[in-house]
Amino acid sequence: MAAVLVLDDSATMVMSLSRILKNAGHTVDTGADGREGVAKLTGGLKPAIILTDLNMPNMDGIAFIKEARRNAATRFTPIVVLTTESSAGKREEARAAGASAWLIKPTEPNALLSTLKQLLPAA
C-alpha cells in the first residue's frame, strides 16, 4: 500500500486518521504542524500522499503546501487538505498553493479511502 504523511495539531484526529489508514494497509508518519512536516520531508521522508490540516500552529497547511511544492521530491505528491474550514476562498487558496483535494472534517473513513484511491490508483 502507500506511505502517508498526516499533519494535524489535534492528537485525536492524528490517531483516528492513522487507525483508518493503517487498517487499510497504509504506512503512516505524522506531524503536529507544517513545520514538522517540512522537517520530515527535508529529512528524506518520501510519502506517496500527504494529508494536512489547514489551521495549525507554527506553519499552517497553506504554507506547508507551498513548501512541499518547492521540494523536488514532493513537487507532484498528492496533498489532501482535511479541515473543518468550508470557505470557498480558503479552498481556492489551497488549490492555488498546490492542494490536490479537499475534505471536510470529520470525514467518513470510506470517503477518505476513496479519495486516496482516486489520487493513488495503485494504492
PDB file of N, CA and C in Angstrom:
ATOM      1  N   MET A   1       0.840  -1.177   0.000  1.00  0.00           N
ATOM      2  CA  MET A   1       0.000   0.000   0.000  1.00  0.00           C
ATOM      3  C   MET A   1       0.889   1.246   0.000  1.00  0.00           C
ATOM      4  N   ALA A   2       0.332   2.375   0.415  1.00  0.00           N
ATOM      5  CA  ALA A   2       1.038   3.646   0.281  1.00  0.00           C
ATOM      6  C   ALA A   2       1.564   4.166   1.617  1.00  0.00           C
ATOM      7  N   ALA A   3       2.635   4.940   1.524  1.00  0.00           N
ATOM      8  CA  ALA A   3       3.165   5.660   2.685  1.00  0.00           C
ATOM      9  C   ALA A   3       2.444   7.004   2.742  1.00  0.00           C
ATOM     10  N   VAL A   4       1.851   7.306   3.895  1.00  0.00           N
ATOM     11  CA  VAL A   4       1.044   8.516   4.056  1.00  0.00           C
ATOM     12  C   VAL A   4       1.629   9.375   5.171  1.00  0.00           C
ATOM     13  N   LEU A   5       1.772  10.682   4.917  1.00  0.00           N
ATOM     14  CA  LEU A   5       2.165  11.645   5.943  1.00  0.00           C
ATOM     15  C   LEU A   5       0.907  12.380   6.371  1.00  0.00           C
ATOM     16  N   VAL A   6       0.615  12.355   7.684  1.00  0.00           N
ATOM     17  CA  VAL A   6      -0.561  13.017   8.247  1.00  0.00           C
ATOM     18  C   VAL A   6      -0.095  14.172   9.124  1.00  0.00           C
ATOM     19  N   LEU A   7      -0.558  15.390   8.822  1.00  0.00           N
ATOM     20  CA  LEU A   7      -0.212  16.573   9.606  1.00  0.00           C
ATOM     21  C   LEU A   7      -1.476  17.177  10.195  1.00  0.00           C
ATOM     22  N   ASP A   8      -1.528  17.224  11.527  1.00  0.00           N
ATOM     23  CA  ASP A   8      -2.680  17.819  12.203  1.00  0.00           C
ATOM     24  C   ASP A   8      -2.271  18.122  13.633  1.00  0.00           C
ATOM     25  N   ASP A   9      -2.715  19.255  14.161  1.00  0.00           N
ATOM     26  CA  ASP A   9      -2.367  19.620  15.535  1.00  0.00           C
ATOM     27  C   ASP A   9      -3.269  18.951  16.564  1.00  0.00           C
ATOM     28  N   SER A  10      -4.288  18.242  16.124  1.00  0.00           N
ATOM     29  CA  SER A  10      -5.176  17.503  17.029  1.00  0.00           C
ATOM     30  C   SER A  10      -4.686  16.056  17.151  1.00  0.00           C
ATOM     31  N   ALA A  11      -4.207  15.692  18.346  1.00  0.00           N
ATOM     32  CA  ALA A  11      -3.724  14.326  18.570  1.00  0.00           C
ATOM     33  C   ALA A  11      -4.837  13.307  18.318  1.00  0.00           C
ATOM     34  N   THR A  12      -6.067  13.663  18.661  1.00  0.00           N
ATOM     35  CA  THR A  12      -7.207  12.767  18.443  1.00  0.00           C
ATOM     36  C   THR A  12      -7.413  12.523  16.954  1.00  0.00           C
ATOM     37  N   MET A  13      -7.322  13.585  16.158  1.00  0.00           N
ATOM     38  CA  MET A  13      -7.501  13.450  14.712  1.00  0.00           C
ATOM     39  C   MET A  13      -6.368  12.619  14.109  1.00  0.00           C
ATOM     40  N   VAL A  14      -5.141  12.860  14.542  1.00  0.00           N
ATOM     41  CA  VAL A  14      -3.997  12.089  14.048  1.00  0.00           C
ATOM     42  C   VAL A  14      -4.195  10.606  14.365  1.00  0.00           C
ATOM     43  N   MET A  15      -4.621  10.315  15.588  1.00  0.00           N
ATOM     44  CA  MET A  15      -4.834   8.932  16.000  1.00  0.00           C
ATOM     45  C   MET A  15      -5.944   8.279  15.160  1.00  0.00           C
ATOM     46  N   SER A  16      -7.036   8.988  14.951  1.00  0.00           N
ATOM     47  CA  SER A  16      -8.154   8.472  14.180  1.00  0.00           C
ATOM     48  C   SER A  16      -7.754   8.209  12.724  1.00  0.00           C
ATOM     49  N   LEU A  17      -7.111   9.186  12.095  1.00  0.00           N
ATOM     50  CA  LEU A  17      -6.681   9.029  10.704  1.00  0.00           C
ATOM     51  C   LEU A  17      -5.660   7.903  10.573  1.00  0.00           C
ATOM     52  N   SER A  18      -4.726   7.831  11.511  1.00  0.00           N
ATOM     53  CA  SER A  18      -3.704   6.782  11.480  1.00  0.00           C
ATOM     54  C   SER A  18      -4.349   5.402  11.548  1.00  0.00           C
ATOM     55  N   ARG A  19      -5.330   5.252  12.424  1.00  0.00           N
ATOM     56  CA  ARG A  19      -6.015   3.963  12.571  1.00  0.00           C
ATOM     57  C   ARG A  19      -6.718   3.569  11.270  1.00  0.00           C
ATOM     58  N   ILE A  20      -7.449   4.512  10.677  1.00  0.00           N
ATOM     59  CA  ILE A  20      -8.155   4.249   9.416  1.00  0.00           C
ATOM     60  C   ILE A  20      -7.171   3.828   8.331  1.00  0.00           C
ATOM     61  N   LEU A  21      -6.083   4.585   8.216  1.00  0.00           N
ATOM     62  CA  LEU A  21      -5.104   4.325   7.156  1.00  0.00           C
ATOM     63  C   LEU A  21      -4.362   3.011   7.378  1.00  0.00           C
ATOM     64  N   LYS A  22      -3.961   2.754   8.618  1.00  0.00           N
ATOM     65  CA  LYS A  22      -3.240   1.503   8.916  1.00  0.00           C
ATOM     66  C   LYS A  22      -4.147   0.293   8.707  1.00  0.00           C
ATOM     67  N   ASN A  23      -5.414   0.410   9.101  1.00  0.00           N
ATOM     68  CA  ASN A  23      -6.357  -0.693   8.886  1.00  0.00           C
ATOM     69  C   ASN A  23      -6.552  -0.987   7.399  1.00  0.00           C
ATOM     70  N   ALA A  24      -6.336   0.014   6.556  1.00  0.00           N
ATOM     71  CA  ALA A  24      -6.457  -0.160   5.105  1.00  0.00           C
ATOM     72  C   ALA A  24      -5.131  -0.615   4.488  1.00  0.00           C
ATOM     73  N   GLY A  25      -4.113  -0.813   5.339  1.00  0.00           N
ATOM     74  CA  GLY A  25      -2.841  -1.336   4.850  1.00  0.00           C
ATOM     75  C   GLY A  25      -1.769  -0.307   4.534  1.00  0.00           C
ATOM     76  N   HIS A  26      -2.019   0.954   4.824  1.00  0.00           N
ATOM     77  CA  HIS A  26      -1.039   2.002   4.547  1.00  0.00           C
ATOM     78  C   HIS A  26      -0.065   2.142   5.713  1.00  0.00           C
ATOM     79  N   THR A  27       1.126   2.673   5.428  1.00  0.00           N
ATOM     80  CA  THR A  27       2.055   3.044   6.494  1.00  0.00           C
ATOM     81  C   THR A  27       1.860   4.531   6.748  1.00  0.00           C
ATOM     82  N   VAL A  28       2.012   4.944   7.999  1.00  0.00           N
ATOM     83  CA  VAL A  28       1.689   6.319   8.375  1.00  0.00           C
ATOM     84  C   VAL A  28       2.827   6.955   9.154  1.00  0.00           C
ATOM     85  N   ASP A  29       3.161   8.184   8.786  1.00  0.00           N
ATOM     86  CA  ASP A  29       4.072   9.025   9.555  1.00  0.00           C
ATOM     87  C   ASP A  29       3.264  10.269   9.894  1.00  0.00           C
ATOM     88  N   THR A  30       3.544  10.894  11.040  1.00  0.00           N
ATOM     89  CA  THR A  30       2.713  12.021  11.471  1.00  0.00           C
ATOM     90  C   THR A  30       3.548  13.218  11.915  1.00  0.00           C
ATOM     91  N   GLY A  31       2.882  14.365  11.960  1.00  0.00           N
ATOM     92  CA  GLY A  31       3.466  15.598  12.481  1.00  0.00           C
ATOM     93  C   GLY A  31       2.348  16.479  13.005  1.00  0.00           C
ATOM     94  N   ALA A  32       2.684  17.373  13.944  1.00  0.00           N
ATOM     95  CA  ALA A  32       1.680  18.213  14.585  1.00  0.00           C
ATOM     96  C   ALA A  32       1.452  19.548  13.877  1.00  0.00           C
ATOM     97  N   ASP A  33       2.303  19.881  12.904  1.00  0.00           N
ATOM     98  CA  ASP A  33       2.125  21.125  12.161  1.00  0.00           C
ATOM     99  C   ASP A  33       2.961  21.091  10.887  1.00  0.00           C
ATOM    100  N   GLY A  34       2.821  22.137  10.079  1.00  0.00           N
ATOM    101  CA  GLY A  34       3.545  22.197   8.819  1.00  0.00           C
ATOM    102  C   GLY A  34       5.050  22.201   8.984  1.00  0.00           C
ATOM    103  N   ARG A  35       5.530  22.816  10.037  1.00  0.00           N
ATOM    104  CA  ARG A  35       6.973  22.857  10.268  1.00  0.00           C
ATOM    105  C   ARG A  35       7.532  21.441  10.465  1.00  0.00           C
ATOM    106  N   GLU A  36       6.811  20.623  11.247  1.00  0.00           N
ATOM    107  CA  GLU A  36       7.242  19.227  11.432  1.00  0.00           C
ATOM    108  C   GLU A  36       7.181  18.475  10.110  1.00  0.00           C
ATOM    109  N   GLY A  37       6.166  18.761   9.313  1.00  0.00           N
ATOM    110  CA  GLY A  37       6.041  18.119   8.005  1.00  0.00           C
ATOM    111  C   GLY A  37       7.208  18.461   7.097  1.00  0.00           C
ATOM    112  N   VAL A  38       7.581  19.730   7.034  1.00  0.00           N
ATOM    113  CA  VAL A  38       8.714  20.150   6.203  1.00  0.00           C
ATOM    114  C   VAL A  38       9.995  19.485   6.698  1.00  0.00           C
ATOM    115  N   ALA A  39      10.171  19.418   8.020  1.00  0.00           N
ATOM    116  CA  ALA A  39      11.373  18.780   8.584  1.00  0.00           C
ATOM    117  C   ALA A  39      11.440  17.310   8.168  1.00  0.00           C
ATOM    118  N   LYS A  40      10.315  16.626   8.185  1.00  0.00           N
ATOM    119  CA  LYS A  40      10.303  15.214   7.783  1.00  0.00           C
ATOM    120  C   LYS A  40      10.635  15.070   6.302  1.00  0.00           C
ATOM    121  N   LEU A  41      10.091  15.947   5.469  1.00  0.00           N
ATOM    122  CA  LEU A  41      10.360  15.881   4.032  1.00  0.00           C
ATOM    123  C   LEU A  41      11.816  16.192   3.721  1.00  0.00           C
ATOM    124  N   THR A  42      12.353  17.221   4.362  1.00  0.00           N
ATOM    125  CA  THR A  42      13.758  17.563   4.109  1.00  0.00           C
ATOM    126  C   THR A  42      14.689  16.523   4.729  1.00  0.00           C
ATOM    127  N   GLY A  43      14.170  15.762   5.702  1.00  0.00           N
ATOM    128  CA  GLY A  43      14.937  14.680   6.319  1.00  0.00           C
ATOM    129  C   GLY A  43      14.928  13.403   5.498  1.00  0.00           C
ATOM    130  N   GLY A  44      14.225  13.407   4.377  1.00  0.00           N
ATOM    131  CA  GLY A  44      14.256  12.261   3.486  1.00  0.00           C
ATOM    132  C   GLY A  44      12.974  11.458   3.390  1.00  0.00           C
ATOM    133  N   LEU A  45      11.947  11.799   4.156  1.00  0.00           N
ATOM    134  CA  LEU A  45      10.676  11.079   4.058  1.00  0.00           C
ATOM    135  C   LEU A  45      10.080  11.328   2.673  1.00  0.00           C
ATOM    136  N   LYS A  46       9.624  10.257   2.015  1.00  0.00           N
ATOM    137  CA  LYS A  46       9.040  10.381   0.683  1.00  0.00           C
ATOM    138  C   LYS A  46       7.659   9.713   0.670  1.00  0.00           C
ATOM    139  N   PRO A  47       6.658  10.400   1.226  1.00  0.00           N
ATOM    140  CA  PRO A  47       5.313   9.805   1.243  1.00  0.00           C
ATOM    141  C   PRO A  47       4.716   9.755  -0.156  1.00  0.00           C
ATOM    142  N   ALA A  48       3.824   8.791  -0.359  1.00  0.00           N
ATOM    143  CA  ALA A  48       3.113   8.695  -1.635  1.00  0.00           C
ATOM    144  C   ALA A  48       1.991   9.721  -1.688  1.00  0.00           C
ATOM    145  N   ILE A  49       1.501  10.112  -0.488  1.00  0.00           N
ATOM    146  CA  ILE A  49       0.422  11.087  -0.387  1.00  0.00           C
ATOM    147  C   ILE A  49       0.515  11.776   0.971  1.00  0.00           C
ATOM    148  N   ILE A  50       0.045  13.018   1.044  1.00  0.00           N
ATOM    149  CA  ILE A  50       0.096  13.805   2.277  1.00  0.00           C
ATOM    150  C   ILE A  50      -1.315  14.279   2.616  1.00  0.00           C
ATOM    151  N   LEU A  51      -1.693  14.138   3.901  1.00  0.00           N
ATOM    152  CA  LEU A  51      -2.939  14.706   4.418  1.00  0.00           C
ATOM    153  C   LEU A  51      -2.554  15.818   5.368  1.00  0.00           C
ATOM    154  N   THR A  52      -3.079  17.010   5.162  1.00  0.00           N
ATOM    155  CA  THR A  52      -2.744  18.117   6.055  1.00  0.00           C
ATOM    156  C   THR A  52      -3.971  18.895   6.487  1.00  0.00           C
ATOM    157  N   ASP A  53      -3.955  19.293   7.755  1.00  0.00           N
ATOM    158  CA  ASP A  53      -4.960  20.203   8.281  1.00  0.00           C
ATOM    159  C   ASP A  53      -4.647  21.581   7.704  1.00  0.00           C
ATOM    160  N   LEU A  54      -5.580  22.486   7.778  1.00  0.00           N
ATOM    161  CA  LEU A  54      -5.368  23.840   7.295  1.00  0.00           C
ATOM    162  C   LEU A  54      -4.880  24.739   8.432  1.00  0.00           C
ATOM    163  N   ASN A  55      -5.598  24.722   9.557  1.00  0.00           N
ATOM    164  CA  ASN A  55      -5.283  25.608  10.680  1.00  0.00           C
ATOM    165  C   ASN A  55      -4.433  24.875  11.714  1.00  0.00           C
ATOM    166  N   MET A  56      -3.122  25.162  11.702  1.00  0.00           N
ATOM    167  CA  MET A  56      -2.177  24.555  12.641  1.00  0.00           C
ATOM    168  C   MET A  56      -1.237  25.636  13.152  1.00  0.00           C
ATOM    169  N   PRO A  57      -0.664  25.457  14.345  1.00  0.00           N
ATOM    170  CA  PRO A  57       0.308  26.426  14.857  1.00  0.00           C
ATOM    171  C   PRO A  57       1.634  26.323  14.087  1.00  0.00           C
ATOM    172  N   ASN A  58       2.477  27.298  14.267  1.00  0.00           N
ATOM    173  CA  ASN A  58       3.835  27.357  13.697  1.00  0.00           C
ATOM    174  C   ASN A  58       3.861  27.502  12.183  1.00  0.00           C
ATOM    175  N   MET A  59       3.224  26.589  11.449  1.00  0.00           N
ATOM    176  CA  MET A  59       3.120  26.693   9.994  1.00  0.00           C
ATOM    177  C   MET A  59       1.798  26.058   9.590  1.00  0.00           C
ATOM    178  N   ASP A  60       0.916  26.864   8.980  1.00  0.00           N
ATOM    179  CA  ASP A  60      -0.394  26.338   8.599  1.00  0.00           C
ATOM    180  C   ASP A  60      -0.309  25.480   7.337  1.00  0.00           C
ATOM    181  N   GLY A  61      -1.436  24.900   6.973  1.00  0.00           N
ATOM    182  CA  GLY A  61      -1.472  23.997   5.827  1.00  0.00           C
ATOM    183  C   GLY A  61      -1.111  24.653   4.507  1.00  0.00           C
ATOM    184  N   ILE A  62      -1.545  25.880   4.292  1.00  0.00           N
ATOM    185  CA  ILE A  62      -1.229  26.583   3.032  1.00  0.00           C
ATOM    186  C   ILE A  62       0.283  26.791   2.910  1.00  0.00           C
ATOM    187  N   ALA A  63       0.915  27.283   3.972  1.00  0.00           N
ATOM    188  CA  ALA A  63       2.367  27.489   3.951  1.00  0.00           C
ATOM    189  C   ALA A  63       3.090  26.155   3.759  1.00  0.00           C
ATOM    190  N   PHE A  64       2.580  25.101   4.404  1.00  0.00           N
ATOM    191  CA  PHE A  64       3.196  23.781   4.236  1.00  0.00           C
ATOM    192  C   PHE A  64       3.118  23.323   2.780  1.00  0.00           C
ATOM    193  N   ILE A  65       1.944  23.464   2.179  1.00  0.00           N
ATOM    194  CA  ILE A  65       1.775  23.027   0.789  1.00  0.00           C
ATOM    195  C   ILE A  65       2.755  23.758  -0.119  1.00  0.00           C
ATOM    196  N   LYS A  66       2.894  25.064   0.069  1.00  0.00           N
ATOM    197  CA  LYS A  66       3.827  25.843  -0.745  1.00  0.00           C
ATOM    198  C   LYS A  66       5.255  25.316  -0.590  1.00  0.00           C
ATOM    199  N   GLU A  67       5.650  25.014   0.654  1.00  0.00           N
ATOM    200  CA  GLU A  67       7.000  24.467   0.898  1.00  0.00           C
ATOM    201  C   GLU A  67       7.154  23.083   0.267  1.00  0.00           C
ATOM    202  N   ALA A  68       6.139  22.242   0.412  1.00  0.00           N
ATOM    203  CA  ALA A  68       6.199  20.892  -0.158  1.00  0.00           C
ATOM    204  C   ALA A  68       6.330  20.957  -1.679  1.00  0.00           C
ATOM    205  N   ARG A  69       5.677  21.921  -2.299  1.00  0.00           N
ATOM    206  CA  ARG A  69       5.748  22.054  -3.757  1.00  0.00           C
ATOM    207  C   ARG A  69       7.114  22.582  -4.220  1.00  0.00           C
ATOM    208  N   ARG A  70       7.856  23.234  -3.321  1.00  0.00           N
ATOM    209  CA  ARG A  70       9.213  23.695  -3.653  1.00  0.00           C
ATOM    210  C   ARG A  70      10.234  22.567  -3.561  1.00  0.00           C
ATOM    211  N   ASN A  71       9.888  21.502  -2.834  1.00  0.00           N
ATOM    212  CA  ASN A  71      10.776  20.360  -2.626  1.00  0.00           C
ATOM    213  C   ASN A  71      10.652  19.432  -3.840  1.00  0.00           C
ATOM    214  N   ALA A  72      11.763  19.165  -4.523  1.00  0.00           N
ATOM    215  CA  ALA A  72      11.726  18.341  -5.738  1.00  0.00           C
ATOM    216  C   ALA A  72      11.093  16.976  -5.489  1.00  0.00           C
ATOM    217  N   ALA A  73      11.324  16.391  -4.319  1.00  0.00           N
ATOM    218  CA  ALA A  73      10.813  15.046  -4.027  1.00  0.00           C
ATOM    219  C   ALA A  73       9.297  15.021  -3.850  1.00  0.00           C
ATOM    220  N   THR A  74       8.691  16.152  -3.497  1.00  0.00           N
ATOM    221  CA  THR A  74       7.241  16.175  -3.259  1.00  0.00           C
ATOM    222  C   THR A  74       6.511  17.162  -4.171  1.00  0.00           C
ATOM    223  N   ARG A  75       7.190  17.623  -5.187  1.00  0.00           N
ATOM    224  CA  ARG A  75       6.579  18.605  -6.096  1.00  0.00           C
ATOM    225  C   ARG A  75       5.255  18.087  -6.669  1.00  0.00           C
ATOM    226  N   PHE A  76       5.190  16.779  -6.967  1.00  0.00           N
ATOM    227  CA  PHE A  76       3.983  16.220  -7.590  1.00  0.00           C
ATOM    228  C   PHE A  76       3.252  15.228  -6.684  1.00  0.00           C
ATOM    229  N   THR A  77       3.639  15.152  -5.412  1.00  0.00           N
ATOM    230  CA  THR A  77       2.970  14.268  -4.464  1.00  0.00           C
ATOM    231  C   THR A  77       1.568  14.801  -4.184  1.00  0.00           C
ATOM    232  N   PRO A  78       0.548  13.957  -4.271  1.00  0.00           N
ATOM    233  CA  PRO A  78      -0.807  14.433  -3.958  1.00  0.00           C
ATOM    234  C   PRO A  78      -0.891  14.922  -2.504  1.00  0.00           C
ATOM    235  N   ILE A  79      -1.527  16.078  -2.316  1.00  0.00           N
ATOM    236  CA  ILE A  79      -1.732  16.649  -0.985  1.00  0.00           C
ATOM    237  C   ILE A  79      -3.226  16.893  -0.800  1.00  0.00           C
ATOM    238  N   VAL A  80      -3.779  16.258   0.236  1.00  0.00           N
ATOM    239  CA  VAL A  80      -5.195  16.401   0.556  1.00  0.00           C
ATOM    240  C   VAL A  80      -5.329  17.295   1.780  1.00  0.00           C
ATOM    241  N   VAL A  81      -6.104  18.365   1.659  1.00  0.00           N
ATOM    242  CA  VAL A  81      -6.400  19.227   2.796  1.00  0.00           C
ATOM    243  C   VAL A  81      -7.605  18.621   3.505  1.00  0.00           C
ATOM    244  N   LEU A  82      -7.448  18.370   4.803  1.00  0.00           N
ATOM    245  CA  LEU A  82      -8.507  17.781   5.624  1.00  0.00           C
ATOM    246  C   LEU A  82      -8.769  18.772   6.749  1.00  0.00           C
ATOM    247  N   THR A  83      -9.895  19.500   6.676  1.00  0.00           N
ATOM    248  CA  THR A  83     -10.111  20.632   7.580  1.00  0.00           C
ATOM    249  C   THR A  83     -11.586  20.814   7.944  1.00  0.00           C
ATOM    250  N   THR A  84     -11.820  21.582   8.992  1.00  0.00           N
ATOM    251  CA  THR A  84     -13.184  21.975   9.351  1.00  0.00           C
ATOM    252  C   THR A  84     -13.593  23.221   8.568  1.00  0.00           C
ATOM    253  N   GLU A  85     -12.649  23.862   7.939  1.00  0.00           N
ATOM    254  CA  GLU A  85     -12.867  25.092   7.163  1.00  0.00           C
ATOM    255  C   GLU A  85     -13.671  24.777   5.904  1.00  0.00           C
ATOM    256  N   SER A  86     -14.752  25.510   5.670  1.00  0.00           N
ATOM    257  CA  SER A  86     -15.553  25.241   4.474  1.00  0.00           C
ATOM    258  C   SER A  86     -15.613  26.441   3.528  1.00  0.00           C
ATOM    259  N   SER A  87     -14.845  27.465   3.805  1.00  0.00           N
ATOM    260  CA  SER A  87     -14.841  28.677   2.984  1.00  0.00           C
ATOM    261  C   SER A  87     -14.305  28.408   1.576  1.00  0.00           C
ATOM    262  N   ALA A  88     -15.050  28.871   0.573  1.00  0.00           N
ATOM    263  CA  ALA A  88     -14.618  28.713  -0.820  1.00  0.00           C
ATOM    264  C   ALA A  88     -13.300  29.444  -1.059  1.00  0.00           C
ATOM    265  N   GLY A  89     -13.101  30.575  -0.394  1.00  0.00           N
ATOM    266  CA  GLY A  89     -11.859  31.331  -0.540  1.00  0.00           C
ATOM    267  C   GLY A  89     -10.654  30.539  -0.057  1.00  0.00           C
ATOM    268  N   LYS A  90     -10.794  29.879   1.089  1.00  0.00           N
ATOM    269  CA  LYS A  90      -9.701  29.053   1.619  1.00  0.00           C
ATOM    270  C   LYS A  90      -9.433  27.863   0.697  1.00  0.00           C
ATOM    271  N   ARG A  91     -10.506  27.292   0.192  1.00  0.00           N
ATOM    272  CA  ARG A  91     -10.355  26.150  -0.719  1.00  0.00           C
ATOM    273  C   ARG A  91      -9.576  26.567  -1.965  1.00  0.00           C
ATOM    274  N   GLU A  92      -9.914  27.731  -2.507  1.00  0.00           N
ATOM    275  CA  GLU A  92      -9.224  28.229  -3.697  1.00  0.00           C
ATOM    276  C   GLU A  92      -7.765  28.562  -3.377  1.00  0.00           C
ATOM    277  N   GLU A  93      -7.528  29.132  -2.199  1.00  0.00           N
ATOM    278  CA  GLU A  93      -6.157  29.444  -1.780  1.00  0.00           C
ATOM    279  C   GLU A  93      -5.323  28.157  -1.679  1.00  0.00           C
ATOM    280  N   ALA A  94      -5.924  27.104  -1.143  1.00  0.00           N
ATOM    281  CA  ALA A  94      -5.227  25.811  -1.029  1.00  0.00           C
ATOM    282  C   ALA A  94      -4.933  25.233  -2.413  1.00  0.00           C
ATOM    283  N   ARG A  95      -5.908  25.296  -3.305  1.00  0.00           N
ATOM    284  CA  ARG A  95      -5.690  24.799  -4.670  1.00  0.00           C
ATOM    285  C   ARG A  95      -4.583  25.575  -5.377  1.00  0.00           C
ATOM    286  N   ALA A  96      -4.610  26.892  -5.209  1.00  0.00           N
ATOM    287  CA  ALA A  96      -3.581  27.731  -5.835  1.00  0.00           C
ATOM    288  C   ALA A  96      -2.191  27.399  -5.290  1.00  0.00           C
ATOM    289  N   ALA A  97      -2.124  27.005  -4.017  1.00  0.00           N
ATOM    290  CA  ALA A  97      -0.843  26.638  -3.407  1.00  0.00           C
ATOM    291  C   ALA A  97      -0.374  25.268  -3.886  1.00  0.00           C
ATOM    292  N   GLY A  98      -1.314  24.442  -4.374  1.00  0.00           N
ATOM    293  CA  GLY A  98      -0.923  23.131  -4.878  1.00  0.00           C
ATOM    294  C   GLY A  98      -1.656  21.952  -4.275  1.00  0.00           C
ATOM    295  N   ALA A  99      -2.741  22.193  -3.536  1.00  0.00           N
ATOM    296  CA  ALA A  99      -3.519  21.091  -2.958  1.00  0.00           C
ATOM    297  C   ALA A  99      -4.191  20.289  -4.075  1.00  0.00           C
ATOM    298  N   SER A 100      -4.244  18.982  -3.888  1.00  0.00           N
ATOM    299  CA  SER A 100      -4.841  18.085  -4.879  1.00  0.00           C
ATOM    300  C   SER A 100      -6.316  17.813  -4.608  1.00  0.00           C
ATOM    301  N   ALA A 101      -6.705  17.866  -3.332  1.00  0.00           N
ATOM    302  CA  ALA A 101      -8.091  17.572  -2.954  1.00  0.00           C
ATOM    303  C   ALA A 101      -8.395  18.244  -1.625  1.00  0.00           C
ATOM    304  N   TRP A 102      -9.687  18.300  -1.284  1.00  0.00           N
ATOM    305  CA  TRP A 102     -10.169  18.993  -0.088  1.00  0.00           C
ATOM    306  C   TRP A 102     -11.262  18.149   0.543  1.00  0.00           C
ATOM    307  N   LEU A 103     -11.115  17.783   1.812  1.00  0.00           N
ATOM    308  CA  LEU A 103     -12.142  17.043   2.536  1.00  0.00           C
ATOM    309  C   LEU A 103     -12.484  17.797   3.816  1.00  0.00           C
ATOM    310  N   ILE A 104     -13.768  17.802   4.171  1.00  0.00           N
ATOM    311  CA  ILE A 104     -14.219  18.469   5.391  1.00  0.00           C
ATOM    312  C   ILE A 104     -14.221  17.463   6.547  1.00  0.00           C
ATOM    313  N   LYS A 105     -13.663  17.884   7.690  1.00  0.00           N
ATOM    314  CA  LYS A 105     -13.672  17.057   8.903  1.00  0.00           C
ATOM    315  C   LYS A 105     -15.003  17.226   9.620  1.00  0.00           C
ATOM    316  N   PRO A 106     -15.488  16.241  10.305  1.00  0.00           N
ATOM    317  CA  PRO A 106     -14.946  14.879  10.263  1.00  0.00           C
ATOM    318  C   PRO A 106     -15.368  14.204   8.970  1.00  0.00           C
ATOM    319  N   THR A 107     -14.464  13.457   8.401  1.00  0.00           N
ATOM    320  CA  THR A 107     -14.767  12.758   7.152  1.00  0.00           C
ATOM    321  C   THR A 107     -15.003  11.281   7.442  1.00  0.00           C
ATOM    322  N   GLU A 108     -15.868  10.695   6.678  1.00  0.00           N
ATOM    323  CA  GLU A 108     -16.135   9.264   6.808  1.00  0.00           C
ATOM    324  C   GLU A 108     -14.910   8.485   6.320  1.00  0.00           C
ATOM    325  N   PRO A 109     -14.556   7.389   6.982  1.00  0.00           N
ATOM    326  CA  PRO A 109     -13.408   6.586   6.534  1.00  0.00           C
ATOM    327  C   PRO A 109     -13.484   6.206   5.056  1.00  0.00           C
ATOM    328  N   ASN A 110     -14.673   5.825   4.577  1.00  0.00           N
ATOM    329  CA  ASN A 110     -14.809   5.430   3.171  1.00  0.00           C
ATOM    330  C   ASN A 110     -14.524   6.589   2.219  1.00  0.00           C
ATOM    331  N   ALA A 111     -14.929   7.807   2.598  1.00  0.00           N
ATOM    332  CA  ALA A 111     -14.660   8.984   1.766  1.00  0.00           C
ATOM    333  C   ALA A 111     -13.160   9.257   1.708  1.00  0.00           C
ATOM    334  N   LEU A 112     -12.495   9.118   2.853  1.00  0.00           N
ATOM    335  CA  LEU A 112     -11.040   9.321   2.904  1.00  0.00           C
ATOM    336  C   LEU A 112     -10.331   8.294   2.030  1.00  0.00           C
ATOM    337  N   LEU A 113     -10.668   7.028   2.206  1.00  0.00           N
ATOM    338  CA  LEU A 113     -10.001   5.964   1.446  1.00  0.00           C
ATOM    339  C   LEU A 113     -10.332   6.050  -0.043  1.00  0.00           C
ATOM    340  N   SER A 114     -11.530   6.473  -0.380  1.00  0.00           N
ATOM    341  CA  SER A 114     -11.908   6.659  -1.778  1.00  0.00           C
ATOM    342  C   SER A 114     -11.078   7.773  -2.421  1.00  0.00           C
ATOM    343  N   THR A 115     -10.867   8.864  -1.672  1.00  0.00           N
ATOM    344  CA  THR A 115     -10.052   9.967  -2.187  1.00  0.00           C
ATOM    345  C   THR A 115      -8.622   9.506  -2.423  1.00  0.00           C
ATOM    346  N   LEU A 116      -8.077   8.737  -1.472  1.00  0.00           N
ATOM    347  CA  LEU A 116      -6.727   8.214  -1.633  1.00  0.00           C
ATOM    348  C   LEU A 116      -6.644   7.331  -2.884  1.00  0.00           C
ATOM    349  N   LYS A 117      -7.655   6.483  -3.078  1.00  0.00           N
ATOM    350  CA  LYS A 117      -7.664   5.582  -4.233  1.00  0.00           C
ATOM    351  C   LYS A 117      -7.718   6.370  -5.558  1.00  0.00           C
ATOM    352  N   GLN A 118      -8.463   7.478  -5.561  1.00  0.00           N
ATOM    353  CA  GLN A 118      -8.541   8.307  -6.761  1.00  0.00           C
ATOM    354  C   GLN A 118      -7.193   8.951  -7.067  1.00  0.00           C
ATOM    355  N   LEU A 119      -6.497   9.401  -6.018  1.00  0.00           N
ATOM    356  CA  LEU A 119      -5.221  10.082  -6.223  1.00  0.00           C
ATOM    357  C   LEU A 119      -4.052   9.128  -6.392  1.00  0.00           C
ATOM    358  N   LEU A 120      -4.206   7.902  -5.862  1.00  0.00           N
ATOM    359  CA  LEU A 120      -3.170   6.872  -5.961  1.00  0.00           C
ATOM    360  C   LEU A 120      -3.828   5.587  -6.459  1.00  0.00           C
ATOM    361  N   PRO A 121      -4.085   5.470  -7.734  1.00  0.00           N
ATOM    362  CA  PRO A 121      -4.792   4.302  -8.248  1.00  0.00           C
ATOM    363  C   PRO A 121      -4.162   2.960  -7.862  1.00  0.00           C
ATOM    364  N   ALA A 122      -2.859   2.923  -7.666  1.00  0.00           N
ATOM    365  CA  ALA A 122      -2.193   1.666  -7.317  1.00  0.00           C
ATOM    366  C   ALA A 122      -2.351   1.313  -5.846  1.00  0.00           C
ATOM    367  N   ALA A 123      -2.840   2.262  -5.025  1.00  0.00           N
ATOM    368  CA  ALA A 123      -2.921   2.027  -3.568  1.00  0.00           C
ATOM    369  C   ALA A 123      -4.127   1.189  -3.199  1.00  0.00           C
TER     370      ALA A 123
END
